[in-house]
Amino acid sequence: MFKVIRRFFNRLIRGLWSFLREVISGAEEIVLAELKDFALDIAKELEGKNITGKQKQQIAREYIAKEAIRRGLTIRDSLINLLIELAVARLRKVG
């Protein structure tokens, strides 16, 4: 049962990344590639915190925005939200 669910999420994530690569501009793709591991680390850090999902999302947004600035990257809120959603999906897939 869990293998079926895991396969489903693996295909979903791969399909989502394929779709995103076609839709997102080159600059945005670079930003996503630069920050996806950072976003995953933040999601892992916040996963066990005893705060609401909305609070976790706000904290993650702030950390990702600050990290983007630190790296000299320009990032829109929609890309920050996408990074958070992808990181959470990866966490659920692994967990």
Protein backbone atom coordinates (compact mmCIF):
# COMPACT_ATOMS: atom_id res chain seq x y z
CA MET A 1 0.00 0.00 0.00
CA PHE A 2 2.75 2.45 0.98
CA LYS A 3 4.74 1.54 -2.14
CA VAL A 4 1.76 2.45 -4.30
CA ILE A 5 1.39 5.77 -2.51
CA ARG A 6 5.12 6.47 -2.72
CA ARG A 7 5.14 5.68 -6.47
CA PHE A 8 2.17 7.98 -6.95
CA PHE A 9 3.94 10.86 -5.21
CA ASN A 10 7.22 10.17 -7.04
CA ARG A 11 5.41 10.37 -10.38
CA LEU A 12 3.52 13.44 -9.26
CA ILE A 13 6.71 15.24 -8.23
CA ARG A 14 8.51 14.25 -11.44
CA GLY A 15 5.54 15.37 -13.50
CA LEU A 16 5.33 18.63 -11.62
CA TRP A 17 9.03 19.35 -12.13
CA SER A 18 8.72 18.55 -15.85
CA PHE A 19 5.77 20.89 -16.16
CA LEU A 20 7.53 23.61 -14.20
CA ARG A 21 10.66 23.43 -16.32
CA GLU A 22 8.61 24.23 -19.39
CA VAL A 23 6.60 27.01 -17.79
CA ILE A 24 9.17 28.83 -15.70
CA SER A 25 11.60 31.24 -17.32
CA GLY A 26 15.32 30.53 -17.26
CA ALA A 27 16.00 33.02 -14.46
CA GLU A 28 13.25 31.62 -12.30
CA GLU A 29 14.51 28.11 -12.92
CA ILE A 30 17.94 29.16 -11.69
CA VAL A 31 16.41 30.65 -8.54
CA LEU A 32 14.43 27.45 -7.92
CA ALA A 33 17.52 25.31 -8.43
CA GLU A 34 19.55 27.54 -6.12
CA LEU A 35 17.04 27.53 -3.28
CA LYS A 36 15.22 24.17 -3.44
CA ASP A 37 17.58 22.40 -1.04
CA PHE A 38 17.55 25.38 1.31
CA ALA A 39 13.73 25.36 1.29
CA LEU A 40 13.74 21.63 2.06
CA ASP A 41 16.09 22.19 5.00
CA ILE A 42 13.78 24.91 6.36
CA ALA A 43 10.74 22.66 5.93
CA LYS A 44 12.52 19.86 7.82
CA GLU A 45 13.47 22.27 10.59
CA LEU A 46 9.91 23.57 10.96
CA GLU A 47 8.23 20.17 10.57
CA GLY A 48 8.35 19.25 14.25
CA LYS A 49 7.63 22.71 15.66
CA ASN A 50 4.50 23.12 17.73
CA ILE A 51 3.10 26.02 15.67
CA THR A 52 0.36 26.31 13.09
CA GLY A 53 0.89 25.56 9.42
CA LYS A 54 0.31 29.21 8.62
CA GLN A 55 3.03 30.23 11.07
CA LYS A 56 5.42 27.68 9.58
CA GLN A 57 4.69 29.01 6.11
CA GLN A 58 5.34 32.60 7.19
CA ILE A 59 8.63 31.68 8.86
CA ALA A 60 9.71 29.68 5.80
CA ARG A 61 8.84 32.64 3.53
CA GLU A 62 10.98 34.97 5.62
CA TYR A 63 13.96 32.58 5.71
CA ILE A 64 13.81 31.90 1.97
CA ALA A 65 13.48 35.60 1.10
CA LYS A 66 16.47 36.46 3.32
CA GLU A 67 18.53 33.62 1.84
CA ALA A 68 17.71 34.78 -1.69
CA ILE A 69 18.90 38.29 -0.82
CA ARG A 70 22.05 36.86 0.77
CA ARG A 71 22.76 34.97 -2.46
CA GLY A 72 22.03 38.02 -4.61
CA LEU A 73 18.89 36.52 -6.14
CA THR A 74 15.65 38.27 -6.96
CA ILE A 75 12.61 36.17 -6.11
CA ARG A 76 8.87 36.73 -6.35
CA ASP A 77 6.45 35.70 -3.62
CA SER A 78 4.91 33.14 -5.98
CA LEU A 79 8.28 31.38 -6.35
CA ILE A 80 8.78 31.40 -2.58
CA ASN A 81 5.36 29.78 -2.19
CA LEU A 82 6.23 27.23 -4.87
CA LEU A 83 9.50 26.37 -3.13
CA ILE A 84 7.63 25.83 0.13
CA GLU A 85 4.99 23.63 -1.50
CA LEU A 86 7.61 21.53 -3.29
CA ALA A 87 9.63 21.14 -0.10
CA VAL A 88 6.56 20.01 1.84
CA ALA A 89 5.67 17.57 -0.96
CA ARG A 90 9.19 16.13 -0.85
CA LEU A 91 8.97 15.75 2.94
CA ARG A 92 5.67 13.92 2.67
CA LYS A 93 7.09 11.70 -0.07
CA VAL A 94 10.09 10.73 2.04
CA GLY A 95 8.15 10.39 5.30
